[in-house]
PDB file of N, CA and C in Angstrom:
ATOM      1  N   UNK A   1       0.840  -1.171   0.000  1.00  0.00           N
ATOM      2  CA  UNK A   1       0.000   0.000   0.000  1.00  0.00           C
ATOM      3  C   UNK A   1       0.888   1.238   0.000  1.00  0.00           C
ATOM      4  N   UNK A   2       0.488   2.248  -0.716  1.00  0.00           N
ATOM      5  CA  UNK A   2       1.241   3.487  -0.801  1.00  0.00           C
ATOM      6  C   UNK A   2       0.292   4.672  -0.671  1.00  0.00           C
ATOM      7  N   UNK A   3       0.700   5.652   0.138  1.00  0.00           N
ATOM      8  CA  UNK A   3      -0.097   6.860   0.338  1.00  0.00           C
ATOM      9  C   UNK A   3       0.841   8.053   0.220  1.00  0.00           C
ATOM     10  N   UNK A   4       0.413   9.101  -0.487  1.00  0.00           N
ATOM     11  CA  UNK A   4       1.188  10.340  -0.589  1.00  0.00           C
ATOM     12  C   UNK A   4       0.312  11.518  -0.234  1.00  0.00           C
ATOM     13  N   UNK A   5       0.920  12.534   0.356  1.00  0.00           N
ATOM     14  CA  UNK A   5       0.183  13.762   0.642  1.00  0.00           C
ATOM     15  C   UNK A   5       1.120  14.948   0.500  1.00  0.00           C
ATOM     16  N   UNK A   6       0.536  16.091   0.215  1.00  0.00           N
ATOM     17  CA  UNK A   6       1.291  17.326   0.059  1.00  0.00           C
ATOM     18  C   UNK A   6       1.427  17.984   1.424  1.00  0.00           C
ATOM     19  N   UNK A   7       2.652  18.358   1.774  1.00  0.00           N
ATOM     20  CA  UNK A   7       2.871  19.130   2.995  1.00  0.00           C
ATOM     21  C   UNK A   7       3.268  20.535   2.578  1.00  0.00           C
ATOM     22  N   UNK A   8       3.818  21.316   3.447  1.00  0.00           N
ATOM     23  CA  UNK A   8       4.143  22.718   3.144  1.00  0.00           C
ATOM     24  C   UNK A   8       4.815  22.899   1.790  1.00  0.00           C
ATOM     25  N   UNK A   9       4.379  23.931   1.103  1.00  0.00           N
ATOM     26  CA  UNK A   9       4.989  24.272  -0.180  1.00  0.00           C
ATOM     27  C   UNK A   9       4.762  23.177  -1.199  1.00  0.00           C
ATOM     28  N   UNK A  10       5.840  22.739  -1.829  1.00  0.00           N
ATOM     29  CA  UNK A  10       5.737  21.706  -2.850  1.00  0.00           C
ATOM     30  C   UNK A  10       6.324  20.378  -2.375  1.00  0.00           C
ATOM     31  N   UNK A  11       6.469  20.205  -1.067  1.00  0.00           N
ATOM     32  CA  UNK A  11       7.051  18.987  -0.510  1.00  0.00           C
ATOM     33  C   UNK A  11       5.987  17.915  -0.311  1.00  0.00           C
ATOM     34  N   UNK A  12       6.295  16.718  -0.744  1.00  0.00           N
ATOM     35  CA  UNK A  12       5.396  15.580  -0.563  1.00  0.00           C
ATOM     36  C   UNK A  12       5.913  14.664   0.526  1.00  0.00           C
ATOM     37  N   UNK A  13       5.006  13.940   1.115  1.00  0.00           N
ATOM     38  CA  UNK A  13       5.326  12.944   2.121  1.00  0.00           C
ATOM     39  C   UNK A  13       4.635  11.661   1.680  1.00  0.00           C
ATOM     40  N   UNK A  14       5.371  10.568   1.622  1.00  0.00           N
ATOM     41  CA  UNK A  14       4.762   9.318   1.190  1.00  0.00           C
ATOM     42  C   UNK A  14       5.033   8.207   2.200  1.00  0.00           C
ATOM     43  N   UNK A  15       4.088   7.278   2.259  1.00  0.00           N
ATOM     44  CA  UNK A  15       4.230   6.104   3.118  1.00  0.00           C
ATOM     45  C   UNK A  15       3.971   4.879   2.258  1.00  0.00           C
ATOM     46  N   UNK A  16       4.910   3.957   2.277  1.00  0.00           N
ATOM     47  CA  UNK A  16       4.749   2.672   1.612  1.00  0.00           C
ATOM     48  C   UNK A  16       4.885   1.587   2.672  1.00  0.00           C
ATOM     49  N   UNK A  17       4.130   0.527   2.518  1.00  0.00           N
ATOM     50  CA  UNK A  17       4.245  -0.595   3.442  1.00  0.00           C
ATOM     51  C   UNK A  17       4.562  -1.863   2.668  1.00  0.00           C
ATOM     52  N   UNK A  18       5.260  -2.747   3.343  1.00  0.00           N
ATOM     53  CA  UNK A  18       5.560  -4.061   2.783  1.00  0.00           C
ATOM     54  C   UNK A  18       5.384  -5.085   3.896  1.00  0.00           C
ATOM     55  N   UNK A  19       4.969  -6.265   3.525  1.00  0.00           N
ATOM     56  CA  UNK A  19       4.843  -7.339   4.508  1.00  0.00           C
ATOM     57  C   UNK A  19       6.238  -7.764   4.938  1.00  0.00           C
ATOM     58  N   UNK A  20       6.412  -7.923   6.241  1.00  0.00           N
ATOM     59  CA  UNK A  20       7.688  -8.389   6.780  1.00  0.00           C
ATOM     60  C   UNK A  20       7.749  -9.903   6.574  1.00  0.00           C
ATOM     61  N   UNK A  21       8.394 -10.319   5.515  1.00  0.00           N
ATOM     62  CA  UNK A  21       8.467 -11.740   5.182  1.00  0.00           C
ATOM     63  C   UNK A  21       9.444 -12.493   6.073  1.00  0.00           C
ATOM     64  N   UNK A  22      10.307 -11.763   6.770  1.00  0.00           N
ATOM     65  CA  UNK A  22      11.232 -12.421   7.694  1.00  0.00           C
ATOM     66  C   UNK A  22      10.537 -12.766   9.006  1.00  0.00           C
ATOM     67  N   UNK A  23       9.394 -12.116   9.270  1.00  0.00           N
ATOM     68  CA  UNK A  23       8.602 -12.437  10.444  1.00  0.00           C
ATOM     69  C   UNK A  23       9.140 -11.930  11.762  1.00  0.00           C
ATOM     70  N   UNK A  24      10.255 -11.254  11.732  1.00  0.00           N
ATOM     71  CA  UNK A  24      10.850 -10.732  12.957  1.00  0.00           C
ATOM     72  C   UNK A  24      11.322  -9.305  12.727  1.00  0.00           C
ATOM     73  N   UNK A  25      10.828  -8.395  13.545  1.00  0.00           N
ATOM     74  CA  UNK A  25      11.251  -6.995  13.430  1.00  0.00           C
ATOM     75  C   UNK A  25      12.754  -6.872  13.672  1.00  0.00           C
ATOM     76  N   UNK A  26      13.282  -7.643  14.605  1.00  0.00           N
ATOM     77  CA  UNK A  26      14.711  -7.563  14.930  1.00  0.00           C
ATOM     78  C   UNK A  26      15.581  -7.963  13.740  1.00  0.00           C
ATOM     79  N   UNK A  27      15.210  -9.030  13.036  1.00  0.00           N
ATOM     80  CA  UNK A  27      15.992  -9.451  11.869  1.00  0.00           C
ATOM     81  C   UNK A  27      16.016  -8.370  10.792  1.00  0.00           C
ATOM     82  N   UNK A  28      14.863  -7.788  10.514  1.00  0.00           N
ATOM     83  CA  UNK A  28      14.785  -6.734   9.497  1.00  0.00           C
ATOM     84  C   UNK A  28      15.582  -5.517   9.943  1.00  0.00           C
ATOM     85  N   UNK A  29      15.403  -5.107  11.179  1.00  0.00           N
ATOM     86  CA  UNK A  29      16.087  -3.934  11.710  1.00  0.00           C
ATOM     87  C   UNK A  29      17.606  -4.125  11.635  1.00  0.00           C
ATOM     88  N   UNK A  30      18.093  -5.280  12.073  1.00  0.00           N
ATOM     89  CA  UNK A  30      19.539  -5.539  12.034  1.00  0.00           C
ATOM     90  C   UNK A  30      20.077  -5.491  10.608  1.00  0.00           C
ATOM     91  N   UNK A  31      19.319  -6.006   9.648  1.00  0.00           N
ATOM     92  CA  UNK A  31      19.777  -5.960   8.259  1.00  0.00           C
ATOM     93  C   UNK A  31      19.755  -4.534   7.708  1.00  0.00           C
ATOM     94  N   UNK A  32      18.787  -3.712   8.161  1.00  0.00           N
ATOM     95  CA  UNK A  32      18.746  -2.306   7.734  1.00  0.00           C
ATOM     96  C   UNK A  32      19.960  -1.539   8.231  1.00  0.00           C
ATOM     97  N   UNK A  33      20.337  -1.782   9.475  1.00  0.00           N
ATOM     98  CA  UNK A  33      21.499  -1.094  10.048  1.00  0.00           C
ATOM     99  C   UNK A  33      22.752  -1.433   9.242  1.00  0.00           C
ATOM    100  N   UNK A  34      22.858  -2.675   8.809  1.00  0.00           N
ATOM    101  CA  UNK A  34      24.010  -3.082   7.988  1.00  0.00           C
ATOM    102  C   UNK A  34      23.906  -2.478   6.587  1.00  0.00           C
ATOM    103  N   UNK A  35      22.726  -2.520   6.001  1.00  0.00           N
ATOM    104  CA  UNK A  35      22.535  -2.015   4.630  1.00  0.00           C
ATOM    105  C   UNK A  35      22.767  -0.514   4.511  1.00  0.00           C
ATOM    106  N   UNK A  36      22.322   0.230   5.511  1.00  0.00           N
ATOM    107  CA  UNK A  36      22.455   1.689   5.498  1.00  0.00           C
ATOM    108  C   UNK A  36      23.501   2.103   6.522  1.00  0.00           C
ATOM    109  N   UNK A  37      24.743   1.795   6.224  1.00  0.00           N
ATOM    110  CA  UNK A  37      25.819   2.085   7.168  1.00  0.00           C
ATOM    111  C   UNK A  37      25.969   3.586   7.419  1.00  0.00           C
ATOM    112  N   UNK A  38      25.489   4.424   6.507  1.00  0.00           N
ATOM    113  CA  UNK A  38      25.566   5.872   6.681  1.00  0.00           C
ATOM    114  C   UNK A  38      24.289   6.453   7.256  1.00  0.00           C
ATOM    115  N   UNK A  39      23.583   5.664   8.094  1.00  0.00           N
ATOM    116  CA  UNK A  39      22.316   6.141   8.640  1.00  0.00           C
ATOM    117  C   UNK A  39      22.525   7.396   9.480  1.00  0.00           C
ATOM    118  N   UNK A  40      21.468   8.154   9.617  1.00  0.00           N
ATOM    119  CA  UNK A  40      21.502   9.398  10.387  1.00  0.00           C
ATOM    120  C   UNK A  40      21.316   9.120  11.876  1.00  0.00           C
ATOM    121  N   UNK A  41      20.316   8.309  12.217  1.00  0.00           N
ATOM    122  CA  UNK A  41      20.118   7.945  13.620  1.00  0.00           C
ATOM    123  C   UNK A  41      19.158   6.767  13.750  1.00  0.00           C
ATOM    124  N   UNK A  42      19.258   6.119  14.889  1.00  0.00           N
ATOM    125  CA  UNK A  42      18.385   5.013  15.235  1.00  0.00           C
ATOM    126  C   UNK A  42      17.421   5.514  16.293  1.00  0.00           C
ATOM    127  N   UNK A  43      16.132   5.274  16.093  1.00  0.00           N
ATOM    128  CA  UNK A  43      15.140   5.782  17.037  1.00  0.00           C
ATOM    129  C   UNK A  43      14.096   4.706  17.327  1.00  0.00           C
ATOM    130  N   UNK A  44      13.270   4.944  18.330  1.00  0.00           N
ATOM    131  CA  UNK A  44      12.156   4.062  18.654  1.00  0.00           C
ATOM    132  C   UNK A  44      10.879   4.886  18.626  1.00  0.00           C
ATOM    133  N   UNK A  45       9.866   4.370  17.934  1.00  0.00           N
ATOM    134  CA  UNK A  45       8.563   5.031  17.833  1.00  0.00           C
ATOM    135  C   UNK A  45       7.502   4.016  18.236  1.00  0.00           C
ATOM    136  N   UNK A  46       6.763   4.309  19.291  1.00  0.00           N
ATOM    137  CA  UNK A  46       5.729   3.406  19.796  1.00  0.00           C
ATOM    138  C   UNK A  46       6.266   1.983  19.979  1.00  0.00           C
ATOM    139  N   UNK A  47       7.426   1.857  20.577  1.00  0.00           N
ATOM    140  CA  UNK A  47       8.081   0.561  20.837  1.00  0.00           C
ATOM    141  C   UNK A  47       8.487  -0.184  19.567  1.00  0.00           C
ATOM    142  N   UNK A  48       8.581   0.510  18.449  1.00  0.00           N
ATOM    143  CA  UNK A  48       9.043  -0.081  17.193  1.00  0.00           C
ATOM    144  C   UNK A  48      10.345   0.610  16.794  1.00  0.00           C
ATOM    145  N   UNK A  49      11.322  -0.187  16.413  1.00  0.00           N
ATOM    146  CA  UNK A  49      12.603   0.380  16.025  1.00  0.00           C
ATOM    147  C   UNK A  49      12.510   0.979  14.628  1.00  0.00           C
ATOM    148  N   UNK A  50      13.207   2.093  14.466  1.00  0.00           N
ATOM    149  CA  UNK A  50      13.213   2.795  13.177  1.00  0.00           C
ATOM    150  C   UNK A  50      14.606   3.334  12.910  1.00  0.00           C
ATOM    151  N   UNK A  51      14.859   3.589  11.663  1.00  0.00           N
ATOM    152  CA  UNK A  51      16.143   4.134  11.252  1.00  0.00           C
ATOM    153  C   UNK A  51      15.892   5.336  10.343  1.00  0.00           C
ATOM    154  N   UNK A  52      16.543   6.445  10.645  1.00  0.00           N
ATOM    155  CA  UNK A  52      16.496   7.630   9.782  1.00  0.00           C
ATOM    156  C   UNK A  52      17.682   7.531   8.830  1.00  0.00           C
ATOM    157  N   UNK A  53      17.382   7.519   7.554  1.00  0.00           N
ATOM    158  CA  UNK A  53      18.425   7.375   6.537  1.00  0.00           C
ATOM    159  C   UNK A  53      19.002   8.749   6.211  1.00  0.00           C
ATOM    160  N   UNK A  54      20.322   8.810   6.096  1.00  0.00           N
ATOM    161  CA  UNK A  54      20.997  10.036   5.688  1.00  0.00           C
ATOM    162  C   UNK A  54      20.492  10.401   4.293  1.00  0.00           C
ATOM    163  N   UNK A  55      19.953  11.618   4.101  1.00  0.00           N
ATOM    164  CA  UNK A  55      19.407  12.000   2.786  1.00  0.00           C
ATOM    165  C   UNK A  55      20.387  11.818   1.631  1.00  0.00           C
ATOM    166  N   UNK A  56      21.673  11.973   1.887  1.00  0.00           N
ATOM    167  CA  UNK A  56      22.665  11.784   0.824  1.00  0.00           C
ATOM    168  C   UNK A  56      22.633  10.334   0.343  1.00  0.00           C
ATOM    169  N   UNK A  57      22.489   9.398   1.277  1.00  0.00           N
ATOM    170  CA  UNK A  57      22.451   7.975   0.933  1.00  0.00           C
ATOM    171  C   UNK A  57      21.116   7.585   0.294  1.00  0.00           C
ATOM    172  N   UNK A  58      20.072   8.379   0.535  1.00  0.00           N
ATOM    173  CA  UNK A  58      18.729   8.073   0.016  1.00  0.00           C
ATOM    174  C   UNK A  58      18.387   8.926  -1.202  1.00  0.00           C
ATOM    175  N   UNK A  59      19.378   9.352  -1.949  1.00  0.00           N
ATOM    176  CA  UNK A  59      19.122  10.125  -3.164  1.00  0.00           C
ATOM    177  C   UNK A  59      18.639  11.537  -2.905  1.00  0.00           C
ATOM    178  N   UNK A  60      18.996  12.111  -1.758  1.00  0.00           N
ATOM    179  CA  UNK A  60      18.619  13.482  -1.429  1.00  0.00           C
ATOM    180  C   UNK A  60      17.251  13.621  -0.798  1.00  0.00           C
ATOM    181  N   UNK A  61      16.616  12.512  -0.461  1.00  0.00           N
ATOM    182  CA  UNK A  61      15.276  12.530   0.112  1.00  0.00           C
ATOM    183  C   UNK A  61      15.338  12.100   1.578  1.00  0.00           C
ATOM    184  N   UNK A  62      14.611  12.816   2.438  1.00  0.00           N
ATOM    185  CA  UNK A  62      14.491  12.381   3.829  1.00  0.00           C
ATOM    186  C   UNK A  62      13.765  11.043   3.840  1.00  0.00           C
ATOM    187  N   UNK A  63      14.272  10.074   4.611  1.00  0.00           N
ATOM    188  CA  UNK A  63      13.623   8.766   4.647  1.00  0.00           C
ATOM    189  C   UNK A  63      13.728   8.150   6.031  1.00  0.00           C
ATOM    190  N   UNK A  64      12.634   7.521   6.463  1.00  0.00           N
ATOM    191  CA  UNK A  64      12.576   6.798   7.718  1.00  0.00           C
ATOM    192  C   UNK A  64      12.010   5.418   7.410  1.00  0.00           C
ATOM    193  N   UNK A  65      12.626   4.392   7.980  1.00  0.00           N
ATOM    194  CA  UNK A  65      12.123   3.028   7.826  1.00  0.00           C
ATOM    195  C   UNK A  65      11.842   2.495   9.228  1.00  0.00           C
ATOM    196  N   UNK A  66      10.604   2.062   9.448  1.00  0.00           N
ATOM    197  CA  UNK A  66      10.192   1.547  10.749  1.00  0.00           C
ATOM    198  C   UNK A  66       9.703   0.114  10.552  1.00  0.00           C
ATOM    199  N   UNK A  67      10.058  -0.768  11.502  1.00  0.00           N
ATOM    200  CA  UNK A  67       9.710  -2.172  11.339  1.00  0.00           C
ATOM    201  C   UNK A  67       8.851  -2.686  12.488  1.00  0.00           C
ATOM    202  N   UNK A  68       7.965  -3.597  12.129  1.00  0.00           N
ATOM    203  CA  UNK A  68       7.197  -4.353  13.118  1.00  0.00           C
ATOM    204  C   UNK A  68       7.294  -5.821  12.692  1.00  0.00           C
ATOM    205  N   UNK A  69       6.785  -6.711  13.484  1.00  0.00           N
ATOM    206  CA  UNK A  69       6.824  -8.123  13.116  1.00  0.00           C
ATOM    207  C   UNK A  69       5.971  -8.423  11.892  1.00  0.00           C
ATOM    208  N   UNK A  70       4.976  -7.570  11.615  1.00  0.00           N
ATOM    209  CA  UNK A  70       4.077  -7.795  10.491  1.00  0.00           C
ATOM    210  C   UNK A  70       4.442  -6.986   9.241  1.00  0.00           C
ATOM    211  N   UNK A  71       4.865  -5.736   9.429  1.00  0.00           N
ATOM    212  CA  UNK A  71       5.085  -4.838   8.295  1.00  0.00           C
ATOM    213  C   UNK A  71       6.386  -4.050   8.418  1.00  0.00           C
ATOM    214  N   UNK A  72       6.819  -3.540   7.264  1.00  0.00           N
ATOM    215  CA  UNK A  72       7.928  -2.581   7.187  1.00  0.00           C
ATOM    216  C   UNK A  72       7.323  -1.314   6.602  1.00  0.00           C
ATOM    217  N   UNK A  73       7.534  -0.190   7.255  1.00  0.00           N
ATOM    218  CA  UNK A  73       6.971   1.098   6.838  1.00  0.00           C
ATOM    219  C   UNK A  73       8.094   1.971   6.293  1.00  0.00           C
ATOM    220  N   UNK A  74       7.917   2.454   5.079  1.00  0.00           N
ATOM    221  CA  UNK A  74       8.875   3.346   4.435  1.00  0.00           C
ATOM    222  C   UNK A  74       8.212   4.714   4.323  1.00  0.00           C
ATOM    223  N   UNK A  75       8.736   5.695   5.039  1.00  0.00           N
ATOM    224  CA  UNK A  75       8.186   7.047   5.011  1.00  0.00           C
ATOM    225  C   UNK A  75       9.264   7.954   4.414  1.00  0.00           C
ATOM    226  N   UNK A  76       8.886   8.731   3.409  1.00  0.00           N
ATOM    227  CA  UNK A  76       9.878   9.547   2.708  1.00  0.00           C
ATOM    228  C   UNK A  76       9.318  10.915   2.367  1.00  0.00           C
ATOM    229  N   UNK A  77      10.238  11.881   2.220  1.00  0.00           N
ATOM    230  CA  UNK A  77       9.882  13.226   1.793  1.00  0.00           C
ATOM    231  C   UNK A  77       9.817  14.200   2.940  1.00  0.00           C
ATOM    232  N   UNK A  78       8.914  15.147   2.817  1.00  0.00           N
ATOM    233  CA  UNK A  78       8.737  16.159   3.856  1.00  0.00           C
ATOM    234  C   UNK A  78       9.844  17.195   3.888  1.00  0.00           C
ATOM    235  N   UNK A  79       9.692  18.126   4.797  1.00  0.00           N
ATOM    236  CA  UNK A  79      10.668  19.207   4.962  1.00  0.00           C
ATOM    237  C   UNK A  79      11.947  18.716   5.646  1.00  0.00           C
ATOM    238  N   UNK A  80      11.764  17.839   6.652  1.00  0.00           N
ATOM    239  CA  UNK A  80      12.907  17.357   7.434  1.00  0.00           C
ATOM    240  C   UNK A  80      12.518  16.067   8.156  1.00  0.00           C
ATOM    241  N   UNK A  81      13.422  15.547   8.954  1.00  0.00           N
ATOM    242  CA  UNK A  81      13.159  14.290   9.644  1.00  0.00           C
ATOM    243  C   UNK A  81      12.033  14.401  10.674  1.00  0.00           C
ATOM    244  N   UNK A  82      11.779  15.595  11.191  1.00  0.00           N
ATOM    245  CA  UNK A  82      10.663  15.766  12.126  1.00  0.00           C
ATOM    246  C   UNK A  82       9.327  15.422  11.466  1.00  0.00           C
ATOM    247  N   UNK A  83       9.160  15.769  10.189  1.00  0.00           N
ATOM    248  CA  UNK A  83       7.937  15.425   9.459  1.00  0.00           C
ATOM    249  C   UNK A  83       7.768  13.907   9.401  1.00  0.00           C
ATOM    250  N   UNK A  84       8.865  13.199   9.174  1.00  0.00           N
ATOM    251  CA  UNK A  84       8.815  11.744   9.078  1.00  0.00           C
ATOM    252  C   UNK A  84       8.431  11.122  10.414  1.00  0.00           C
ATOM    253  N   UNK A  85       9.018  11.624  11.478  1.00  0.00           N
ATOM    254  CA  UNK A  85       8.738  11.093  12.815  1.00  0.00           C
ATOM    255  C   UNK A  85       7.283  11.351  13.192  1.00  0.00           C
ATOM    256  N   UNK A  86       6.786  12.547  12.912  1.00  0.00           N
ATOM    257  CA  UNK A  86       5.384  12.864  13.218  1.00  0.00           C
ATOM    258  C   UNK A  86       4.439  11.944  12.461  1.00  0.00           C
ATOM    259  N   UNK A  87       4.746  11.658  11.200  1.00  0.00           N
ATOM    260  CA  UNK A  87       3.904  10.767  10.416  1.00  0.00           C
ATOM    261  C   UNK A  87       3.963   9.346  10.975  1.00  0.00           C
ATOM    262  N   UNK A  88       5.139   8.891  11.344  1.00  0.00           N
ATOM    263  CA  UNK A  88       5.277   7.544  11.915  1.00  0.00           C
ATOM    264  C   UNK A  88       4.500   7.410  13.217  1.00  0.00           C
ATOM    265  N   UNK A  89       4.451   8.481  14.004  1.00  0.00           N
ATOM    266  CA  UNK A  89       3.722   8.455  15.267  1.00  0.00           C
ATOM    267  C   UNK A  89       2.210   8.347  15.063  1.00  0.00           C
ATOM    268  N   UNK A  90       1.732   8.637  13.857  1.00  0.00           N
ATOM    269  CA  UNK A  90       0.296   8.543  13.559  1.00  0.00           C
ATOM    270  C   UNK A  90      -0.143   7.127  13.188  1.00  0.00           C
ATOM    271  N   UNK A  91       0.808   6.231  12.946  1.00  0.00           N
ATOM    272  CA  UNK A  91       0.454   4.871  12.579  1.00  0.00           C
ATOM    273  C   UNK A  91      -0.154   4.167  13.773  1.00  0.00           C
ATOM    274  N   UNK A  92      -1.290   3.532  13.547  1.00  0.00           N
ATOM    275  CA  UNK A  92      -2.022   2.844  14.603  1.00  0.00           C
ATOM    276  C   UNK A  92      -1.674   1.354  14.546  1.00  0.00           C
ATOM    277  N   UNK A  93      -0.952   0.886  15.553  1.00  0.00           N
ATOM    278  CA  UNK A  93      -0.562  -0.522  15.605  1.00  0.00           C
ATOM    279  C   UNK A  93      -1.616  -1.292  16.391  1.00  0.00           C
ATOM    280  N   UNK A  94      -2.431  -2.027  15.667  1.00  0.00           N
ATOM    281  CA  UNK A  94      -3.512  -2.807  16.299  1.00  0.00           C
ATOM    282  C   UNK A  94      -2.973  -4.193  16.612  1.00  0.00           C
ATOM    283  N   UNK A  95      -3.235  -4.633  17.823  1.00  0.00           N
ATOM    284  CA  UNK A  95      -2.765  -5.978  18.219  1.00  0.00           C
ATOM    285  C   UNK A  95      -3.875  -6.977  18.108  1.00  0.00           C
TER     286      UNK A  95
END
């Protein structure tokens, strides 16, 4: 599933989801840390681990990847990383 919306000015914010086929948030998260060695920071949002990708490594686009045992969330765009974090905080994790 993919959703895009316009934020301030001409900046877009998009969210894409993928099924976590590895079945473990920890496995996906550990592989992301290795894959994006130039990450900006590691954070936790609603008890889910996330990684902020350095925009230089992500083609000049702000990007956040958050993982759960069921899904991987790719949030990109916006003015800065705060936009990405705010959007990630809006995700409703139903148990």
